Amino acid sequence: QRALLATVLAGALPGLVAADPVAVRATSVPLNPQDPRQHVLGRLEYRGGLHLVSDGPRFGGISSLRVLPDGQRLAAVTDEGWWVSARLVHRDRRLVGIEDVEMGPLLGPDGKAPEGKDSRDAESLALLPDGEFIVGFEREHRLLRYPAGTGRPDGIPVACPAPPGLENAPFNGGIEALVALRGGGLLALTEYWIEKNQVVGWMGEPSEWKRLGLRFELALRPADGALLPKGDVLVLERAYNPQRGVVNVRVRQIGREKIRPGSA
């Protein structure tokens, strides 16, 4: 009876049983390689960085990650349609590694893992106050809302209303940063959709998206974002060159009062 029940559950709840452990090696990355003791740069206190390597063929291409409210684990998504969960390892208040790494497929509303790169290219991740996740996909531009309960987007999702016109975003330049704002609503920023010298974005509840724009400098474009305790948003920006890879990175702080419909 137990074996039969396990088989039934495995078929009915694939997202809850598809987690597989993955061996990952973590190497600390100093803020300043010439002076590894440096931990402060301007207003930034560097709490640690990691270079992650795995022999597992699925690992890599992490597009967006979120630290769970307890500060003990992270959830992430990859551009090949996987979710990643891991426990953070700290020493003397600094990040030194990750353990207990698991991966599983990001399922579609039909309970199956999408087939093909165009349908599984996850690029952005928002963690909502109630523990639900919203994942943004590009190529086939869409948003999916995953249920709360496990600390990772491993359940069967439902479609989430996308910003009007998202289907017109560049094939490989859709929503790259998705942040749950203080007081409710989301901030969504595309990567390569440029109009009037601004990156196209939106804010608000998914049922009431409102357009806004983000001014950019040189080749820097949004790559991810995070909410600060007082409501400001940090935007991670990068400049990418197909031949040279990532050539520049910047963290930009946007005041809460500047995040409003029609702003630029």
C-alpha atoms as a PDB file:
ATOM      1  CA  GLN A   1       0.000   0.000   0.000  1.00  0.00           C
ATOM      2  CA  ARG A   2       2.831   2.382   0.854  1.00  0.00           C
ATOM      3  CA  ALA A   3       4.578   1.627  -2.433  1.00  0.00           C
ATOM      4  CA  LEU A   4       1.353   2.219  -4.353  1.00  0.00           C
ATOM      5  CA  LEU A   5       0.729   5.524  -2.542  1.00  0.00           C
ATOM      6  CA  ALA A   6       4.277   6.698  -3.301  1.00  0.00           C
ATOM      7  CA  THR A   7       3.808   5.852  -6.966  1.00  0.00           C
ATOM      8  CA  VAL A   8       0.526   7.762  -7.144  1.00  0.00           C
ATOM      9  CA  LEU A   9       2.026  10.804  -5.426  1.00  0.00           C
ATOM     10  CA  ALA A  10       5.045  10.757  -7.743  1.00  0.00           C
ATOM     11  CA  GLY A  11       2.733  10.924 -10.744  1.00  0.00           C
ATOM     12  CA  ALA A  12       0.354  13.507  -9.297  1.00  0.00           C
ATOM     13  CA  LEU A  13       2.908  15.848  -7.726  1.00  0.00           C
ATOM     14  CA  PRO A  14       6.004  15.726  -9.959  1.00  0.00           C
ATOM     15  CA  GLY A  15       7.323  19.067  -8.760  1.00  0.00           C
ATOM     16  CA  LEU A  16       7.484  17.881  -5.161  1.00  0.00           C
ATOM     17  CA  VAL A  17       9.493  14.719  -5.821  1.00  0.00           C
ATOM     18  CA  ALA A  18      11.778  15.692  -8.695  1.00  0.00           C
ATOM     19  CA  ALA A  19      14.504  17.274  -6.542  1.00  0.00           C
ATOM     20  CA  ASP A  20      17.952  15.774  -7.073  1.00  0.00           C
ATOM     21  CA  PRO A  21      21.091  16.491  -5.023  1.00  0.00           C
ATOM     22  CA  VAL A  22      23.931  18.133  -6.912  1.00  0.00           C
ATOM     23  CA  ALA A  23      27.581  18.256  -5.834  1.00  0.00           C
ATOM     24  CA  VAL A  24      28.832  21.853  -6.075  1.00  0.00           C
ATOM     25  CA  ARG A  25      32.278  23.198  -5.231  1.00  0.00           C
ATOM     26  CA  ALA A  26      32.407  26.767  -3.914  1.00  0.00           C
ATOM     27  CA  THR A  27      35.477  29.003  -3.923  1.00  0.00           C
ATOM     28  CA  SER A  28      35.452  32.361  -2.156  1.00  0.00           C
ATOM     29  CA  VAL A  29      35.911  35.400  -4.384  1.00  0.00           C
ATOM     30  CA  PRO A  30      37.515  38.456  -2.710  1.00  0.00           C
ATOM     31  CA  LEU A  31      36.261  41.961  -3.339  1.00  0.00           C
ATOM     32  CA  ASN A  32      39.816  43.041  -4.174  1.00  0.00           C
ATOM     33  CA  PRO A  33      42.161  40.255  -5.352  1.00  0.00           C
ATOM     34  CA  GLN A  34      45.145  42.528  -4.665  1.00  0.00           C
ATOM     35  CA  ASP A  35      43.991  43.014  -1.047  1.00  0.00           C
ATOM     36  CA  PRO A  36      41.787  40.104   0.104  1.00  0.00           C
ATOM     37  CA  ARG A  37      41.309  41.801   3.481  1.00  0.00           C
ATOM     38  CA  GLN A  38      39.351  44.670   1.940  1.00  0.00           C
ATOM     39  CA  HIS A  39      35.623  44.352   2.687  1.00  0.00           C
ATOM     40  CA  VAL A  40      34.394  47.927   2.248  1.00  0.00           C
ATOM     41  CA  LEU A  41      34.062  49.957  -0.946  1.00  0.00           C
ATOM     42  CA  GLY A  42      32.192  53.231  -0.602  1.00  0.00           C
ATOM     43  CA  ARG A  43      28.822  52.439   0.993  1.00  0.00           C
ATOM     44  CA  LEU A  44      29.184  48.752   0.165  1.00  0.00           C
ATOM     45  CA  GLU A  45      30.155  46.221   2.821  1.00  0.00           C
ATOM     46  CA  TYR A  46      31.142  43.079   0.967  1.00  0.00           C
ATOM     47  CA  ARG A  47      29.755  40.036   2.791  1.00  0.00           C
ATOM     48  CA  GLY A  48      31.230  37.453   0.473  1.00  0.00           C
ATOM     49  CA  GLY A  49      31.136  36.123  -3.075  1.00  0.00           C
ATOM     50  CA  LEU A  50      31.386  32.615  -4.468  1.00  0.00           C
ATOM     51  CA  HIS A  51      32.591  30.940  -7.643  1.00  0.00           C
ATOM     52  CA  LEU A  52      30.441  27.815  -8.062  1.00  0.00           C
ATOM     53  CA  VAL A  53      31.496  24.794 -10.117  1.00  0.00           C
ATOM     54  CA  SER A  54      29.826  21.416 -10.609  1.00  0.00           C
ATOM     55  CA  ASP A  55      30.429  18.360 -12.746  1.00  0.00           C
ATOM     56  CA  GLY A  56      26.663  17.961 -13.022  1.00  0.00           C
ATOM     57  CA  PRO A  57      25.587  18.758 -16.602  1.00  0.00           C
ATOM     58  CA  ARG A  58      22.454  20.650 -15.471  1.00  0.00           C
ATOM     59  CA  PHE A  59      24.239  23.085 -13.174  1.00  0.00           C
ATOM     60  CA  GLY A  60      25.053  26.565 -14.489  1.00  0.00           C
ATOM     61  CA  GLY A  61      23.392  29.459 -16.231  1.00  0.00           C
ATOM     62  CA  ILE A  62      21.888  30.830 -13.012  1.00  0.00           C
ATOM     63  CA  SER A  63      19.771  33.803 -14.062  1.00  0.00           C
ATOM     64  CA  SER A  64      18.278  35.056 -10.817  1.00  0.00           C
ATOM     65  CA  LEU A  65      18.396  34.121  -7.147  1.00  0.00           C
ATOM     66  CA  ARG A  66      16.621  35.045  -3.930  1.00  0.00           C
ATOM     67  CA  VAL A  67      17.635  34.503  -0.308  1.00  0.00           C
ATOM     68  CA  LEU A  68      14.731  33.177   1.737  1.00  0.00           C
ATOM     69  CA  PRO A  69      13.456  35.267   4.680  1.00  0.00           C
ATOM     70  CA  ASP A  70      15.284  33.119   7.251  1.00  0.00           C
ATOM     71  CA  GLY A  71      18.602  33.971   5.580  1.00  0.00           C
ATOM     72  CA  GLN A  72      19.600  30.311   5.588  1.00  0.00           C
ATOM     73  CA  ARG A  73      18.786  29.164   2.064  1.00  0.00           C
ATOM     74  CA  LEU A  74      18.586  30.503  -1.460  1.00  0.00           C
ATOM     75  CA  ALA A  75      16.321  29.729  -4.375  1.00  0.00           C
ATOM     76  CA  ALA A  76      17.415  30.354  -7.961  1.00  0.00           C
ATOM     77  CA  VAL A  77      16.405  29.665 -11.561  1.00  0.00           C
ATOM     78  CA  THR A  78      18.531  28.886 -14.602  1.00  0.00           C
ATOM     79  CA  ASP A  79      18.248  29.741 -18.274  1.00  0.00           C
ATOM     80  CA  GLU A  80      17.797  26.051 -19.090  1.00  0.00           C
ATOM     81  CA  GLY A  81      14.630  25.718 -17.034  1.00  0.00           C
ATOM     82  CA  TRP A  82      15.829  24.404 -13.675  1.00  0.00           C
ATOM     83  CA  TRP A  83      15.315  25.640 -10.144  1.00  0.00           C
ATOM     84  CA  VAL A  84      18.171  25.499  -7.631  1.00  0.00           C
ATOM     85  CA  SER A  85      17.944  25.352  -3.841  1.00  0.00           C
ATOM     86  CA  ALA A  86      20.919  25.522  -1.474  1.00  0.00           C
ATOM     87  CA  ARG A  87      21.847  26.184   2.136  1.00  0.00           C
ATOM     88  CA  LEU A  88      24.127  29.171   2.694  1.00  0.00           C
ATOM     89  CA  VAL A  89      27.243  28.669   4.799  1.00  0.00           C
ATOM     90  CA  HIS A  90      28.438  31.658   6.827  1.00  0.00           C
ATOM     91  CA  ARG A  91      31.499  32.155   8.985  1.00  0.00           C
ATOM     92  CA  ASP A  92      32.017  35.313  11.050  1.00  0.00           C
ATOM     93  CA  ARG A  93      28.982  36.874   9.325  1.00  0.00           C
ATOM     94  CA  ARG A  94      30.486  36.282   5.888  1.00  0.00           C
ATOM     95  CA  LEU A  95      29.346  33.970   3.097  1.00  0.00           C
ATOM     96  CA  VAL A  96      31.911  31.204   2.578  1.00  0.00           C
ATOM     97  CA  GLY A  97      30.046  28.422   0.785  1.00  0.00           C
ATOM     98  CA  ILE A  98      26.844  26.558  -0.027  1.00  0.00           C
ATOM     99  CA  GLU A  99      25.706  23.050   0.906  1.00  0.00           C
ATOM    100  CA  ASP A 100      22.731  20.741   0.410  1.00  0.00           C
ATOM    101  CA  VAL A 101      22.309  21.840  -3.207  1.00  0.00           C
ATOM    102  CA  GLU A 102      19.266  20.450  -5.012  1.00  0.00           C
ATOM    103  CA  MET A 103      17.885  20.976  -8.507  1.00  0.00           C
ATOM    104  CA  GLY A 104      14.656  20.183 -10.285  1.00  0.00           C
ATOM    105  CA  PRO A 105      12.720  21.209 -13.383  1.00  0.00           C
ATOM    106  CA  LEU A 106      10.582  24.323 -13.575  1.00  0.00           C
ATOM    107  CA  LEU A 107       7.220  22.861 -14.482  1.00  0.00           C
ATOM    108  CA  GLY A 108       4.571  24.368 -16.723  1.00  0.00           C
ATOM    109  CA  PRO A 109       0.886  24.742 -15.857  1.00  0.00           C
ATOM    110  CA  ASP A 110       0.293  21.268 -17.296  1.00  0.00           C
ATOM    111  CA  GLY A 111       2.603  19.744 -14.670  1.00  0.00           C
ATOM    112  CA  LYS A 112       5.276  18.895 -17.227  1.00  0.00           C
ATOM    113  CA  ALA A 113       8.702  20.363 -17.854  1.00  0.00           C
ATOM    114  CA  PRO A 114       8.654  22.482 -21.048  1.00  0.00           C
ATOM    115  CA  GLU A 115      10.657  21.155 -23.983  1.00  0.00           C
ATOM    116  CA  GLY A 116      13.122  23.245 -25.935  1.00  0.00           C
ATOM    117  CA  LYS A 117      15.271  26.221 -25.010  1.00  0.00           C
ATOM    118  CA  ASP A 118      12.712  28.774 -26.207  1.00  0.00           C
ATOM    119  CA  SER A 119      10.089  27.608 -23.713  1.00  0.00           C
ATOM    120  CA  ARG A 120      12.290  27.043 -20.650  1.00  0.00           C
ATOM    121  CA  ASP A 121      14.572  30.112 -20.634  1.00  0.00           C
ATOM    122  CA  ALA A 122      13.919  31.411 -17.095  1.00  0.00           C
ATOM    123  CA  GLU A 123      15.531  34.810 -16.560  1.00  0.00           C
ATOM    124  CA  SER A 124      13.900  36.485 -13.529  1.00  0.00           C
ATOM    125  CA  LEU A 125      12.558  35.473 -10.122  1.00  0.00           C
ATOM    126  CA  ALA A 126      10.445  37.281  -7.529  1.00  0.00           C
ATOM    127  CA  LEU A 127       9.752  35.968  -4.034  1.00  0.00           C
ATOM    128  CA  LEU A 128       6.394  37.232  -2.764  1.00  0.00           C
ATOM    129  CA  PRO A 129       5.647  37.948   0.926  1.00  0.00           C
ATOM    130  CA  ASP A 130       3.363  34.908   1.119  1.00  0.00           C
ATOM    131  CA  GLY A 131       6.157  32.598  -0.078  1.00  0.00           C
ATOM    132  CA  GLU A 132       4.965  32.231  -3.669  1.00  0.00           C
ATOM    133  CA  PHE A 133       7.412  32.682  -6.542  1.00  0.00           C
ATOM    134  CA  ILE A 134       6.880  34.401  -9.875  1.00  0.00           C
ATOM    135  CA  VAL A 135       9.278  33.343 -12.621  1.00  0.00           C
ATOM    136  CA  GLY A 136       9.793  35.361 -15.778  1.00  0.00           C
ATOM    137  CA  PHE A 137      10.697  33.580 -19.020  1.00  0.00           C
ATOM    138  CA  GLU A 138      12.004  35.112 -22.225  1.00  0.00           C
ATOM    139  CA  ARG A 139      12.058  33.934 -25.821  1.00  0.00           C
ATOM    140  CA  GLU A 140       8.522  32.696 -25.155  1.00  0.00           C
ATOM    141  CA  HIS A 141       7.802  35.726 -22.964  1.00  0.00           C
ATOM    142  CA  ARG A 142       5.542  34.937 -19.998  1.00  0.00           C
ATOM    143  CA  LEU A 143       5.211  34.940 -16.202  1.00  0.00           C
ATOM    144  CA  LEU A 144       4.325  31.893 -14.104  1.00  0.00           C
ATOM    145  CA  ARG A 145       3.300  31.931 -10.423  1.00  0.00           C
ATOM    146  CA  TYR A 146       4.510  28.967  -8.333  1.00  0.00           C
ATOM    147  CA  PRO A 147       2.835  27.965  -5.033  1.00  0.00           C
ATOM    148  CA  ALA A 148       4.332  28.595  -1.610  1.00  0.00           C
ATOM    149  CA  GLY A 149       5.334  25.967   0.907  1.00  0.00           C
ATOM    150  CA  THR A 150       8.700  24.511  -0.050  1.00  0.00           C
ATOM    151  CA  GLY A 151      10.963  27.546  -0.382  1.00  0.00           C
ATOM    152  CA  ARG A 152      11.560  26.854  -4.063  1.00  0.00           C
ATOM    153  CA  PRO A 153       9.529  27.120  -7.284  1.00  0.00           C
ATOM    154  CA  ASP A 154       8.997  23.369  -7.544  1.00  0.00           C
ATOM    155  CA  GLY A 155       5.215  23.074  -7.737  1.00  0.00           C
ATOM    156  CA  ILE A 156       2.741  23.305 -10.579  1.00  0.00           C
ATOM    157  CA  PRO A 157       2.333  26.998 -11.524  1.00  0.00           C
ATOM    158  CA  VAL A 158      -0.496  29.069 -12.884  1.00  0.00           C
ATOM    159  CA  ALA A 159      -0.157  31.705 -15.573  1.00  0.00           C
ATOM    160  CA  CYS A 160       0.361  35.216 -14.214  1.00  0.00           C
ATOM    161  CA  PRO A 161      -0.913  38.232 -16.202  1.00  0.00           C
ATOM    162  CA  ALA A 162       2.040  39.647 -18.129  1.00  0.00           C
ATOM    163  CA  PRO A 163       2.577  43.350 -18.815  1.00  0.00           C
ATOM    164  CA  PRO A 164       0.687  44.549 -21.913  1.00  0.00           C
ATOM    165  CA  GLY A 165       2.822  44.246 -25.011  1.00  0.00           C
ATOM    166  CA  LEU A 166       5.421  41.933 -23.462  1.00  0.00           C
ATOM    167  CA  GLU A 167       5.080  39.693 -26.505  1.00  0.00           C
ATOM    168  CA  ASN A 168       6.770  42.488 -28.496  1.00  0.00           C
ATOM    169  CA  ALA A 169       9.945  42.387 -26.390  1.00  0.00           C
ATOM    170  CA  PRO A 170      13.150  41.318 -28.175  1.00  0.00           C
ATOM    171  CA  PHE A 171      13.441  37.553 -28.538  1.00  0.00           C
ATOM    172  CA  ASN A 172      16.340  37.334 -26.082  1.00  0.00           C
ATOM    173  CA  GLY A 173      15.739  40.588 -24.200  1.00  0.00           C
ATOM    174  CA  GLY A 174      12.622  40.146 -22.077  1.00  0.00           C
ATOM    175  CA  ILE A 175      12.070  40.611 -18.338  1.00  0.00           C
ATOM    176  CA  GLU A 176      15.467  40.238 -16.690  1.00  0.00           C
ATOM    177  CA  ALA A 177      14.744  41.751 -13.246  1.00  0.00           C
ATOM    178  CA  LEU A 178      11.591  41.052 -11.233  1.00  0.00           C
ATOM    179  CA  VAL A 179      11.311  42.490  -7.719  1.00  0.00           C
ATOM    180  CA  ALA A 180       8.486  42.273  -5.178  1.00  0.00           C
ATOM    181  CA  LEU A 181       8.054  45.848  -3.921  1.00  0.00           C
ATOM    182  CA  ARG A 182       7.379  47.014  -0.399  1.00  0.00           C
ATOM    183  CA  GLY A 183       3.656  47.460   0.101  1.00  0.00           C
ATOM    184  CA  GLY A 184       2.778  45.083  -2.715  1.00  0.00           C
ATOM    185  CA  GLY A 185       3.172  44.923  -6.459  1.00  0.00           C
ATOM    186  CA  LEU A 186       6.148  44.166  -8.650  1.00  0.00           C
ATOM    187  CA  LEU A 187       8.866  45.979 -10.555  1.00  0.00           C
ATOM    188  CA  ALA A 188       9.697  44.344 -13.896  1.00  0.00           C
ATOM    189  CA  LEU A 189      12.611  45.492 -16.076  1.00  0.00           C
ATOM    190  CA  THR A 190      13.527  44.144 -19.485  1.00  0.00           C
ATOM    191  CA  GLU A 191      17.097  43.780 -20.648  1.00  0.00           C
ATOM    192  CA  TYR A 192      17.290  44.838 -24.298  1.00  0.00           C
ATOM    193  CA  TRP A 193      13.923  46.434 -25.031  1.00  0.00           C
ATOM    194  CA  ILE A 194      14.877  50.080 -25.563  1.00  0.00           C
ATOM    195  CA  GLU A 195      12.471  52.900 -26.397  1.00  0.00           C
ATOM    196  CA  LYS A 196      13.264  56.633 -26.240  1.00  0.00           C
ATOM    197  CA  ASN A 197      16.699  55.845 -24.767  1.00  0.00           C
ATOM    198  CA  GLN A 198      15.159  53.979 -21.846  1.00  0.00           C
ATOM    199  CA  VAL A 199      14.890  50.337 -20.847  1.00  0.00           C
ATOM    200  CA  VAL A 200      11.208  49.369 -20.934  1.00  0.00           C
ATOM    201  CA  GLY A 201       9.718  48.312 -17.595  1.00  0.00           C
ATOM    202  CA  TRP A 202       6.516  48.145 -15.575  1.00  0.00           C
ATOM    203  CA  MET A 203       5.327  48.271 -11.994  1.00  0.00           C
ATOM    204  CA  GLY A 204       2.156  47.402 -10.109  1.00  0.00           C
ATOM    205  CA  GLU A 205      -0.012  44.376  -9.504  1.00  0.00           C
ATOM    206  CA  PRO A 206       0.068  41.815 -12.338  1.00  0.00           C
ATOM    207  CA  SER A 207      -3.552  42.645 -13.137  1.00  0.00           C
ATOM    208  CA  GLU A 208      -2.790  46.392 -13.337  1.00  0.00           C
ATOM    209  CA  TRP A 209       0.662  46.832 -14.859  1.00  0.00           C
ATOM    210  CA  LYS A 210       1.780  50.440 -15.439  1.00  0.00           C
ATOM    211  CA  ARG A 211       4.588  51.396 -17.814  1.00  0.00           C
ATOM    212  CA  LEU A 212       7.835  53.075 -16.748  1.00  0.00           C
ATOM    213  CA  GLY A 213      11.338  53.469 -18.126  1.00  0.00           C
ATOM    214  CA  LEU A 214      14.857  53.104 -16.761  1.00  0.00           C
ATOM    215  CA  ARG A 215      17.633  55.326 -18.066  1.00  0.00           C
ATOM    216  CA  PHE A 216      20.844  53.459 -18.790  1.00  0.00           C
ATOM    217  CA  GLU A 217      24.489  54.294 -19.365  1.00  0.00           C
ATOM    218  CA  LEU A 218      26.708  52.926 -22.122  1.00  0.00           C
ATOM    219  CA  ALA A 219      26.150  49.160 -22.518  1.00  0.00           C
ATOM    220  CA  LEU A 220      24.941  48.520 -18.955  1.00  0.00           C
ATOM    221  CA  ARG A 221      21.573  46.750 -18.809  1.00  0.00           C
ATOM    222  CA  PRO A 222      19.485  45.292 -15.944  1.00  0.00           C
ATOM    223  CA  ALA A 223      20.448  41.741 -14.974  1.00  0.00           C
ATOM    224  CA  ASP A 224      18.609  41.346 -11.645  1.00  0.00           C
ATOM    225  CA  GLY A 225      17.258  43.364  -8.738  1.00  0.00           C
ATOM    226  CA  ALA A 226      16.645  43.234  -4.994  1.00  0.00           C
ATOM    227  CA  LEU A 227      14.547  45.128  -2.462  1.00  0.00           C
ATOM    228  CA  LEU A 228      16.133  47.059   0.399  1.00  0.00           C
ATOM    229  CA  PRO A 229      14.414  47.198   3.827  1.00  0.00           C
ATOM    230  CA  LYS A 230      13.175  50.795   3.417  1.00  0.00           C
ATOM    231  CA  GLY A 231      11.721  50.176  -0.040  1.00  0.00           C
ATOM    232  CA  ASP A 232      14.571  51.271  -2.312  1.00  0.00           C
ATOM    233  CA  VAL A 233      15.583  48.833  -5.057  1.00  0.00           C
ATOM    234  CA  LEU A 234      19.046  47.686  -6.020  1.00  0.00           C
ATOM    235  CA  VAL A 235      19.462  46.919  -9.713  1.00  0.00           C
ATOM    236  CA  LEU A 236      22.366  44.752 -10.822  1.00  0.00           C
ATOM    237  CA  GLU A 237      23.511  45.972 -14.228  1.00  0.00           C
ATOM    238  CA  ARG A 238      25.988  44.344 -16.569  1.00  0.00           C
ATOM    239  CA  ALA A 239      27.518  44.996 -19.961  1.00  0.00           C
ATOM    240  CA  TYR A 240      27.805  41.874 -22.089  1.00  0.00           C
ATOM    241  CA  ASN A 241      29.876  41.354 -25.202  1.00  0.00           C
ATOM    242  CA  PRO A 242      29.329  38.163 -27.250  1.00  0.00           C
ATOM    243  CA  GLN A 243      33.057  37.813 -27.899  1.00  0.00           C
ATOM    244  CA  ARG A 244      34.397  38.898 -24.489  1.00  0.00           C
ATOM    245  CA  GLY A 245      31.588  37.952 -22.123  1.00  0.00           C
ATOM    246  CA  VAL A 246      30.698  40.230 -19.197  1.00  0.00           C
ATOM    247  CA  VAL A 247      32.888  43.339 -19.455  1.00  0.00           C
ATOM    248  CA  ASN A 248      31.367  45.600 -16.793  1.00  0.00           C
ATOM    249  CA  VAL A 249      29.123  45.272 -13.734  1.00  0.00           C
ATOM    250  CA  ARG A 250      27.446  47.882 -11.560  1.00  0.00           C
ATOM    251  CA  VAL A 251      25.036  47.910  -8.612  1.00  0.00           C
ATOM    252  CA  ARG A 252      22.615  50.825  -8.786  1.00  0.00           C
ATOM    253  CA  GLN A 253      20.297  52.057  -6.028  1.00  0.00           C
ATOM    254  CA  ILE A 254      16.921  53.512  -7.028  1.00  0.00           C
ATOM    255  CA  GLY A 255      14.980  55.442  -4.411  1.00  0.00           C
ATOM    256  CA  ARG A 256      11.526  54.185  -3.523  1.00  0.00           C
ATOM    257  CA  GLU A 257       9.992  57.546  -4.423  1.00  0.00           C
ATOM    258  CA  LYS A 258      11.387  57.320  -7.972  1.00  0.00           C
ATOM    259  CA  ILE A 259       9.680  54.008  -8.730  1.00  0.00           C
ATOM    260  CA  ARG A 260       6.358  55.205 -10.104  1.00  0.00           C
ATOM    261  CA  PRO A 261       4.361  54.933 -13.340  1.00  0.00           C
ATOM    262  CA  GLY A 262       5.742  57.037 -16.161  1.00  0.00           C
ATOM    263  CA  SER A 263       9.043  57.655 -14.376  1.00  0.00           C
ATOM    264  CA  ALA A 264      12.360  57.530 -16.158  1.00  0.00           C
END
